[in-house]
Amino acid sequence: MTVEVFSEGIAPVIGETCRHIGLVDTIDRMTEGDRDRCKLSLGQRVTAIIINALMDQYPLLIFSDSFRTWM
């Protein structure tokens, strides 16, 4: 596994690890979501919660601004 990190902190590494193990795809396959109304899938939201929990625990409202760059 090759990981390229372009920003400081552990969030990109956690995001890449989740991507490498297929976490988002696995969760999305196992659940049903309203894909027409949701901007993020359930797998992406769970990944954001995991990244947030392993970091400084910013409120997810603020955290969502930089989440897209880590996924």
C-alpha atoms as a PDB file:
ATOM      1  CA  MET A   1       0.000   0.000   0.000  1.00  0.00           C
ATOM      2  CA  THR A   2       1.359   3.414  -0.958  1.00  0.00           C
ATOM      3  CA  VAL A   3       0.095   6.440   0.925  1.00  0.00           C
ATOM      4  CA  GLU A   4       0.784   9.974  -0.243  1.00  0.00           C
ATOM      5  CA  VAL A   5       0.014  12.637   2.343  1.00  0.00           C
ATOM      6  CA  PHE A   6      -0.199  16.249   1.195  1.00  0.00           C
ATOM      7  CA  SER A   7      -1.443  17.860   4.391  1.00  0.00           C
ATOM      8  CA  GLU A   8      -0.458  17.733   8.017  1.00  0.00           C
ATOM      9  CA  GLY A   9      -2.141  15.485  10.489  1.00  0.00           C
ATOM     10  CA  ILE A  10      -3.400  11.964  10.683  1.00  0.00           C
ATOM     11  CA  ALA A  11      -6.754  12.487   8.896  1.00  0.00           C
ATOM     12  CA  PRO A  12      -5.444  11.753   5.373  1.00  0.00           C
ATOM     13  CA  VAL A  13      -3.811   8.541   6.614  1.00  0.00           C
ATOM     14  CA  ILE A  14      -7.015   7.408   8.318  1.00  0.00           C
ATOM     15  CA  GLY A  15      -9.016   8.263   5.182  1.00  0.00           C
ATOM     16  CA  GLU A  16      -6.611   6.336   2.953  1.00  0.00           C
ATOM     17  CA  THR A  17      -6.699   3.344   5.298  1.00  0.00           C
ATOM     18  CA  CYS A  18     -10.510   3.329   5.194  1.00  0.00           C
ATOM     19  CA  ARG A  19     -10.364   3.545   1.400  1.00  0.00           C
ATOM     20  CA  HIS A  20      -7.755   0.763   1.216  1.00  0.00           C
ATOM     21  CA  ILE A  21      -9.859  -1.687   3.238  1.00  0.00           C
ATOM     22  CA  GLY A  22     -13.014  -0.798   1.291  1.00  0.00           C
ATOM     23  CA  LEU A  23     -14.934   0.501   4.296  1.00  0.00           C
ATOM     24  CA  VAL A  24     -17.193   2.909   2.382  1.00  0.00           C
ATOM     25  CA  ASP A  25     -18.115   0.344  -0.279  1.00  0.00           C
ATOM     26  CA  THR A  26     -18.778  -2.365   2.312  1.00  0.00           C
ATOM     27  CA  ILE A  27     -21.066  -0.167   4.389  1.00  0.00           C
ATOM     28  CA  ASP A  28     -22.866   1.123   1.299  1.00  0.00           C
ATOM     29  CA  ARG A  29     -23.472  -2.432   0.065  1.00  0.00           C
ATOM     30  CA  MET A  30     -24.844  -3.525   3.445  1.00  0.00           C
ATOM     31  CA  THR A  31     -27.223  -0.585   3.907  1.00  0.00           C
ATOM     32  CA  GLU A  32     -29.872   1.207   1.971  1.00  0.00           C
ATOM     33  CA  GLY A  33     -29.812   4.969   1.772  1.00  0.00           C
ATOM     34  CA  ASP A  34     -31.768   7.670   0.026  1.00  0.00           C
ATOM     35  CA  ARG A  35     -29.183   8.315  -2.669  1.00  0.00           C
ATOM     36  CA  ASP A  36     -31.414  10.894  -4.381  1.00  0.00           C
ATOM     37  CA  ARG A  37     -31.539  13.236  -1.374  1.00  0.00           C
ATOM     38  CA  CYS A  38     -28.192  12.600   0.335  1.00  0.00           C
ATOM     39  CA  LYS A  39     -24.953  14.306  -0.659  1.00  0.00           C
ATOM     40  CA  LEU A  40     -22.846  11.689   1.126  1.00  0.00           C
ATOM     41  CA  SER A  41     -23.452   7.960   1.360  1.00  0.00           C
ATOM     42  CA  LEU A  42     -23.775   6.241   4.724  1.00  0.00           C
ATOM     43  CA  GLY A  43     -20.305   4.749   4.245  1.00  0.00           C
ATOM     44  CA  GLN A  44     -18.813   8.196   3.702  1.00  0.00           C
ATOM     45  CA  ARG A  45     -20.572   9.518   6.817  1.00  0.00           C
ATOM     46  CA  VAL A  46     -19.299   6.630   8.943  1.00  0.00           C
ATOM     47  CA  THR A  47     -15.783   7.251   7.632  1.00  0.00           C
ATOM     48  CA  ALA A  48     -16.092  10.917   8.631  1.00  0.00           C
ATOM     49  CA  ILE A  49     -17.171   9.879  12.130  1.00  0.00           C
ATOM     50  CA  ILE A  50     -14.203   7.502  12.416  1.00  0.00           C
ATOM     51  CA  ILE A  51     -11.756  10.191  11.282  1.00  0.00           C
ATOM     52  CA  ASN A  52     -13.343  12.676  13.673  1.00  0.00           C
ATOM     53  CA  ALA A  53     -13.214  10.252  16.598  1.00  0.00           C
ATOM     54  CA  LEU A  54      -9.533   9.473  16.035  1.00  0.00           C
ATOM     55  CA  MET A  55      -8.596  13.140  15.746  1.00  0.00           C
ATOM     56  CA  ASP A  56      -9.293  16.134  17.938  1.00  0.00           C
ATOM     57  CA  GLN A  57     -13.051  15.552  17.893  1.00  0.00           C
ATOM     58  CA  TYR A  58     -14.132  18.776  16.233  1.00  0.00           C
ATOM     59  CA  PRO A  59     -17.889  19.151  15.827  1.00  0.00           C
ATOM     60  CA  LEU A  60     -18.851  17.357  12.614  1.00  0.00           C
ATOM     61  CA  LEU A  61     -20.465  20.539  11.321  1.00  0.00           C
ATOM     62  CA  ILE A  62     -17.033  22.215  11.188  1.00  0.00           C
ATOM     63  CA  PHE A  63     -15.266  18.971  10.314  1.00  0.00           C
ATOM     64  CA  SER A  64     -17.333  18.485   7.151  1.00  0.00           C
ATOM     65  CA  ASP A  65     -15.626  21.454   5.458  1.00  0.00           C
ATOM     66  CA  SER A  66     -12.322  19.606   5.149  1.00  0.00           C
ATOM     67  CA  PHE A  67     -13.710  16.065   5.010  1.00  0.00           C
ATOM     68  CA  ARG A  68     -13.907  16.012   1.214  1.00  0.00           C
ATOM     69  CA  THR A  69     -10.152  16.570   0.882  1.00  0.00           C
ATOM     70  CA  TRP A  70      -9.417  13.562   3.105  1.00  0.00           C
ATOM     71  CA  MET A  71     -11.603  11.068   1.251  1.00  0.00           C
END
